[in-house]
Amino acid sequence: MKQGFFKAAEEVHRLFRSKGLTLSAAESCTGGLISNSITSLPGASTFFRAGVIAYSIEAKENILGVSPETIKTHGVISRETAVEMAQKMRLLTKSDYSVSTTGNLGPEVFEEKERGLIYIAVSKEGKTISRELRLKGDRASNKEEAALESLKLLIEVLE
């Protein structure tokens, strides 16, 4: 785990453990990298409930319960899909917070959306915050940056 990831994961641990809150993750483009960074440190079981890699449209709909209408109307790479992924995962796992990612890592254009367009969201009861990222790296660096930005958004929401 790179230094930036390690520091962010440590801070997520500190905040969730000190506040007695629970967390889950619904990941698409980050492929489990958020969950991996959290569970790489000891003590994650005290607050981390579950991580789901909902990579396909079917998984987003059938496992998480994202509305087919949301995906049809806005696309799988959209703020609306990221928001719904985070909300549904939080409800599914009965977590206090949930984080989600969906996007195009590249190299091709997908859904007429350019490489590096990523949406992340953090959901807590009564409020979901989302962010659009426009990353410029290759597939691997975009994946890492999206996961790191998701951890940073979690920290921002909790502080």
C-alpha atoms as a PDB file:
ATOM      1  CA  MET A   1       0.000   0.000   0.000  1.00  0.00           C
ATOM      2  CA  LYS A   2       1.453   3.372  -1.018  1.00  0.00           C
ATOM      3  CA  GLN A   3       2.089   6.020   1.626  1.00  0.00           C
ATOM      4  CA  GLY A   4      -0.911   8.193   0.640  1.00  0.00           C
ATOM      5  CA  PHE A   5      -3.213   5.178   0.798  1.00  0.00           C
ATOM      6  CA  PHE A   6      -1.765   4.074   4.111  1.00  0.00           C
ATOM      7  CA  LYS A   7      -2.274   7.517   5.699  1.00  0.00           C
ATOM      8  CA  ALA A   8      -5.842   7.811   4.365  1.00  0.00           C
ATOM      9  CA  ALA A   9      -6.736   4.266   5.469  1.00  0.00           C
ATOM     10  CA  GLU A  10      -5.261   4.937   8.916  1.00  0.00           C
ATOM     11  CA  GLU A  11      -7.345   8.105   9.228  1.00  0.00           C
ATOM     12  CA  VAL A  12     -10.517   6.242   8.140  1.00  0.00           C
ATOM     13  CA  HIS A  13      -9.762   3.634  10.831  1.00  0.00           C
ATOM     14  CA  ARG A  14      -9.169   6.302  13.473  1.00  0.00           C
ATOM     15  CA  LEU A  15     -12.373   8.213  12.666  1.00  0.00           C
ATOM     16  CA  PHE A  16     -14.698   5.223  12.411  1.00  0.00           C
ATOM     17  CA  ARG A  17     -13.320   3.517  15.503  1.00  0.00           C
ATOM     18  CA  SER A  18     -13.301   6.660  17.662  1.00  0.00           C
ATOM     19  CA  LYS A  19     -16.870   7.539  16.661  1.00  0.00           C
ATOM     20  CA  GLY A  20     -18.162   3.954  16.910  1.00  0.00           C
ATOM     21  CA  LEU A  21     -19.525   4.040  13.340  1.00  0.00           C
ATOM     22  CA  THR A  22     -19.779   1.332  10.688  1.00  0.00           C
ATOM     23  CA  LEU A  23     -18.796   1.414   7.014  1.00  0.00           C
ATOM     24  CA  SER A  24     -19.448  -0.510   3.809  1.00  0.00           C
ATOM     25  CA  ALA A  25     -18.217  -0.080   0.236  1.00  0.00           C
ATOM     26  CA  ALA A  26     -19.879  -0.595  -3.163  1.00  0.00           C
ATOM     27  CA  GLU A  27     -17.092  -0.526  -5.718  1.00  0.00           C
ATOM     28  CA  SER A  28     -17.168  -0.759  -9.471  1.00  0.00           C
ATOM     29  CA  CYS A  29     -14.175   0.830 -11.216  1.00  0.00           C
ATOM     30  CA  THR A  30     -11.959   0.591  -8.121  1.00  0.00           C
ATOM     31  CA  GLY A  31     -12.411  -3.193  -8.086  1.00  0.00           C
ATOM     32  CA  GLY A  32     -12.090  -3.654  -4.328  1.00  0.00           C
ATOM     33  CA  LEU A  33      -9.144  -1.311  -3.821  1.00  0.00           C
ATOM     34  CA  ILE A  34     -11.013   0.746  -1.195  1.00  0.00           C
ATOM     35  CA  SER A  35     -12.022  -2.370   0.742  1.00  0.00           C
ATOM     36  CA  ASN A  36      -8.489  -3.744   0.401  1.00  0.00           C
ATOM     37  CA  SER A  37      -6.892  -0.571   1.768  1.00  0.00           C
ATOM     38  CA  ILE A  38      -9.225  -0.566   4.781  1.00  0.00           C
ATOM     39  CA  THR A  39      -8.834  -4.271   5.551  1.00  0.00           C
ATOM     40  CA  SER A  40      -5.035  -4.161   5.126  1.00  0.00           C
ATOM     41  CA  LEU A  41      -4.816  -2.600   8.577  1.00  0.00           C
ATOM     42  CA  PRO A  42      -5.613  -4.491  11.794  1.00  0.00           C
ATOM     43  CA  GLY A  43      -8.881  -3.685  13.538  1.00  0.00           C
ATOM     44  CA  ALA A  44     -10.987  -3.175  10.404  1.00  0.00           C
ATOM     45  CA  SER A  45     -13.461  -5.797  11.617  1.00  0.00           C
ATOM     46  CA  THR A  46     -14.557  -3.423  14.388  1.00  0.00           C
ATOM     47  CA  PHE A  47     -16.191  -1.057  11.875  1.00  0.00           C
ATOM     48  CA  PHE A  48     -16.011  -2.385   8.294  1.00  0.00           C
ATOM     49  CA  ARG A  49     -19.150  -4.402   7.511  1.00  0.00           C
ATOM     50  CA  ALA A  50     -18.799  -5.389   3.832  1.00  0.00           C
ATOM     51  CA  GLY A  51     -17.407  -4.561   0.435  1.00  0.00           C
ATOM     52  CA  VAL A  52     -19.098  -5.487  -2.832  1.00  0.00           C
ATOM     53  CA  ILE A  53     -17.486  -5.238  -6.243  1.00  0.00           C
ATOM     54  CA  ALA A  54     -20.520  -4.604  -8.439  1.00  0.00           C
ATOM     55  CA  TYR A  55     -18.641  -4.402 -11.725  1.00  0.00           C
ATOM     56  CA  SER A  56     -21.421  -5.307 -14.154  1.00  0.00           C
ATOM     57  CA  ILE A  57     -24.741  -3.580 -14.685  1.00  0.00           C
ATOM     58  CA  GLU A  58     -26.455  -6.803 -13.571  1.00  0.00           C
ATOM     59  CA  ALA A  59     -24.539  -6.803 -10.280  1.00  0.00           C
ATOM     60  CA  LYS A  60     -25.420  -3.161  -9.650  1.00  0.00           C
ATOM     61  CA  GLU A  61     -29.099  -3.949 -10.215  1.00  0.00           C
ATOM     62  CA  ASN A  62     -29.377  -7.470  -8.734  1.00  0.00           C
ATOM     63  CA  ILE A  63     -26.997  -7.302  -5.774  1.00  0.00           C
ATOM     64  CA  LEU A  64     -27.118  -3.636  -4.773  1.00  0.00           C
ATOM     65  CA  GLY A  65     -30.636  -2.892  -6.019  1.00  0.00           C
ATOM     66  CA  VAL A  66     -29.739   0.074  -8.236  1.00  0.00           C
ATOM     67  CA  SER A  67     -32.781   0.947 -10.317  1.00  0.00           C
ATOM     68  CA  PRO A  68     -32.582  -0.134 -13.979  1.00  0.00           C
ATOM     69  CA  GLU A  69     -34.293   3.198 -14.720  1.00  0.00           C
ATOM     70  CA  THR A  70     -31.391   5.111 -13.134  1.00  0.00           C
ATOM     71  CA  ILE A  71     -28.884   3.278 -15.333  1.00  0.00           C
ATOM     72  CA  LYS A  72     -31.064   3.585 -18.441  1.00  0.00           C
ATOM     73  CA  THR A  73     -31.651   7.311 -17.926  1.00  0.00           C
ATOM     74  CA  HIS A  74     -28.249   8.451 -16.635  1.00  0.00           C
ATOM     75  CA  GLY A  75     -25.861   5.632 -17.530  1.00  0.00           C
ATOM     76  CA  VAL A  76     -23.763   3.358 -15.382  1.00  0.00           C
ATOM     77  CA  ILE A  77     -21.116   6.110 -15.268  1.00  0.00           C
ATOM     78  CA  SER A  78     -23.107   8.858 -13.594  1.00  0.00           C
ATOM     79  CA  ARG A  79     -23.483  10.778 -10.365  1.00  0.00           C
ATOM     80  CA  GLU A  80     -26.962   9.281  -9.994  1.00  0.00           C
ATOM     81  CA  THR A  81     -25.674   5.708 -10.200  1.00  0.00           C
ATOM     82  CA  ALA A  82     -22.854   6.390  -7.709  1.00  0.00           C
ATOM     83  CA  VAL A  83     -25.325   7.975  -5.282  1.00  0.00           C
ATOM     84  CA  GLU A  84     -27.760   5.087  -5.576  1.00  0.00           C
ATOM     85  CA  MET A  85     -24.951   2.522  -5.181  1.00  0.00           C
ATOM     86  CA  ALA A  86     -23.832   4.167  -1.926  1.00  0.00           C
ATOM     87  CA  GLN A  87     -27.374   4.504  -0.576  1.00  0.00           C
ATOM     88  CA  LYS A  88     -28.379   0.928  -1.428  1.00  0.00           C
ATOM     89  CA  MET A  89     -25.161  -0.531   0.008  1.00  0.00           C
ATOM     90  CA  ARG A  90     -25.633   1.363   3.268  1.00  0.00           C
ATOM     91  CA  LEU A  91     -29.171   0.030   3.597  1.00  0.00           C
ATOM     92  CA  LEU A  92     -28.198  -3.498   2.516  1.00  0.00           C
ATOM     93  CA  THR A  93     -25.468  -3.769   5.166  1.00  0.00           C
ATOM     94  CA  LYS A  94     -27.163  -1.593   7.805  1.00  0.00           C
ATOM     95  CA  SER A  95     -23.989   0.527   7.955  1.00  0.00           C
ATOM     96  CA  ASP A  96     -23.793   4.074   9.247  1.00  0.00           C
ATOM     97  CA  TYR A  97     -21.821   5.074   6.124  1.00  0.00           C
ATOM     98  CA  SER A  98     -21.164   3.676   2.699  1.00  0.00           C
ATOM     99  CA  VAL A  99     -18.807   4.719  -0.088  1.00  0.00           C
ATOM    100  CA  SER A 100     -19.216   3.953  -3.797  1.00  0.00           C
ATOM    101  CA  THR A 101     -17.334   4.318  -7.071  1.00  0.00           C
ATOM    102  CA  THR A 102     -18.324   4.028 -10.719  1.00  0.00           C
ATOM    103  CA  GLY A 103     -16.496   5.286 -13.766  1.00  0.00           C
ATOM    104  CA  ASN A 104     -14.410   4.744 -16.858  1.00  0.00           C
ATOM    105  CA  LEU A 105     -10.782   3.879 -16.130  1.00  0.00           C
ATOM    106  CA  GLY A 106      -9.967   3.647 -19.836  1.00  0.00           C
ATOM    107  CA  PRO A 107      -8.464   3.274 -22.273  1.00  0.00           C
ATOM    108  CA  GLU A 108     -11.614   3.443 -24.455  1.00  0.00           C
ATOM    109  CA  VAL A 109     -14.606   5.754 -24.346  1.00  0.00           C
ATOM    110  CA  PHE A 110     -17.602   4.018 -22.700  1.00  0.00           C
ATOM    111  CA  GLU A 111     -21.226   5.262 -22.845  1.00  0.00           C
ATOM    112  CA  GLU A 112     -19.801   8.246 -24.727  1.00  0.00           C
ATOM    113  CA  LYS A 113     -17.951   9.155 -21.507  1.00  0.00           C
ATOM    114  CA  GLU A 114     -14.226   9.769 -21.682  1.00  0.00           C
ATOM    115  CA  ARG A 115     -11.490   7.865 -19.926  1.00  0.00           C
ATOM    116  CA  GLY A 116     -10.913   9.120 -16.402  1.00  0.00           C
ATOM    117  CA  LEU A 117     -14.498  10.214 -15.700  1.00  0.00           C
ATOM    118  CA  ILE A 118     -15.274   8.776 -12.262  1.00  0.00           C
ATOM    119  CA  TYR A 119     -18.093   9.394  -9.801  1.00  0.00           C
ATOM    120  CA  ILE A 120     -17.682   8.718  -6.100  1.00  0.00           C
ATOM    121  CA  ALA A 121     -20.273   9.019  -3.344  1.00  0.00           C
ATOM    122  CA  VAL A 122     -20.529   8.744   0.425  1.00  0.00           C
ATOM    123  CA  SER A 123     -23.898   8.025   1.998  1.00  0.00           C
ATOM    124  CA  LYS A 124     -25.043   8.442   5.572  1.00  0.00           C
ATOM    125  CA  GLU A 125     -28.607   8.541   6.834  1.00  0.00           C
ATOM    126  CA  GLY A 126     -30.385  11.540   5.363  1.00  0.00           C
ATOM    127  CA  LYS A 127     -27.488  12.721   3.184  1.00  0.00           C
ATOM    128  CA  THR A 128     -25.383  11.529   0.272  1.00  0.00           C
ATOM    129  CA  ILE A 129     -22.428  13.533  -1.024  1.00  0.00           C
ATOM    130  CA  SER A 130     -21.013  12.853  -4.454  1.00  0.00           C
ATOM    131  CA  ARG A 131     -18.048  14.095  -6.416  1.00  0.00           C
ATOM    132  CA  GLU A 132     -17.050  13.982 -10.067  1.00  0.00           C
ATOM    133  CA  LEU A 133     -13.413  13.191 -10.845  1.00  0.00           C
ATOM    134  CA  ARG A 134     -11.705  13.767 -14.186  1.00  0.00           C
ATOM    135  CA  LEU A 135      -8.505  11.776 -13.963  1.00  0.00           C
ATOM    136  CA  LYS A 136      -5.739  11.973 -16.564  1.00  0.00           C
ATOM    137  CA  GLY A 137      -3.603   8.908 -15.846  1.00  0.00           C
ATOM    138  CA  ASP A 138      -3.517   5.412 -17.258  1.00  0.00           C
ATOM    139  CA  ARG A 139      -5.947   2.715 -16.144  1.00  0.00           C
ATOM    140  CA  ALA A 140      -3.931   1.637 -13.075  1.00  0.00           C
ATOM    141  CA  SER A 141      -3.206   5.148 -11.805  1.00  0.00           C
ATOM    142  CA  ASN A 142      -6.840   6.225 -12.388  1.00  0.00           C
ATOM    143  CA  LYS A 143      -8.004   3.246 -10.313  1.00  0.00           C
ATOM    144  CA  GLU A 144      -5.627   4.135  -7.458  1.00  0.00           C
ATOM    145  CA  GLU A 145      -6.480   7.823  -7.566  1.00  0.00           C
ATOM    146  CA  ALA A 146     -10.242   7.111  -7.561  1.00  0.00           C
ATOM    147  CA  ALA A 147      -9.855   4.851  -4.508  1.00  0.00           C
ATOM    148  CA  LEU A 148      -7.691   7.399  -2.683  1.00  0.00           C
ATOM    149  CA  GLU A 149     -10.118  10.254  -3.477  1.00  0.00           C
ATOM    150  CA  SER A 150     -12.947   8.087  -2.122  1.00  0.00           C
ATOM    151  CA  LEU A 151     -11.090   7.606   1.169  1.00  0.00           C
ATOM    152  CA  LYS A 152     -10.437  11.351   1.312  1.00  0.00           C
ATOM    153  CA  LEU A 153     -14.140  12.089   0.733  1.00  0.00           C
ATOM    154  CA  LEU A 154     -15.035   9.700   3.580  1.00  0.00           C
ATOM    155  CA  ILE A 155     -12.607  11.541   5.874  1.00  0.00           C
ATOM    156  CA  GLU A 156     -13.982  14.919   4.815  1.00  0.00           C
ATOM    157  CA  VAL A 157     -17.582  13.837   5.510  1.00  0.00           C
ATOM    158  CA  LEU A 158     -16.684  12.399   8.929  1.00  0.00           C
ATOM    159  CA  GLU A 159     -14.666  15.409  10.124  1.00  0.00           C
END
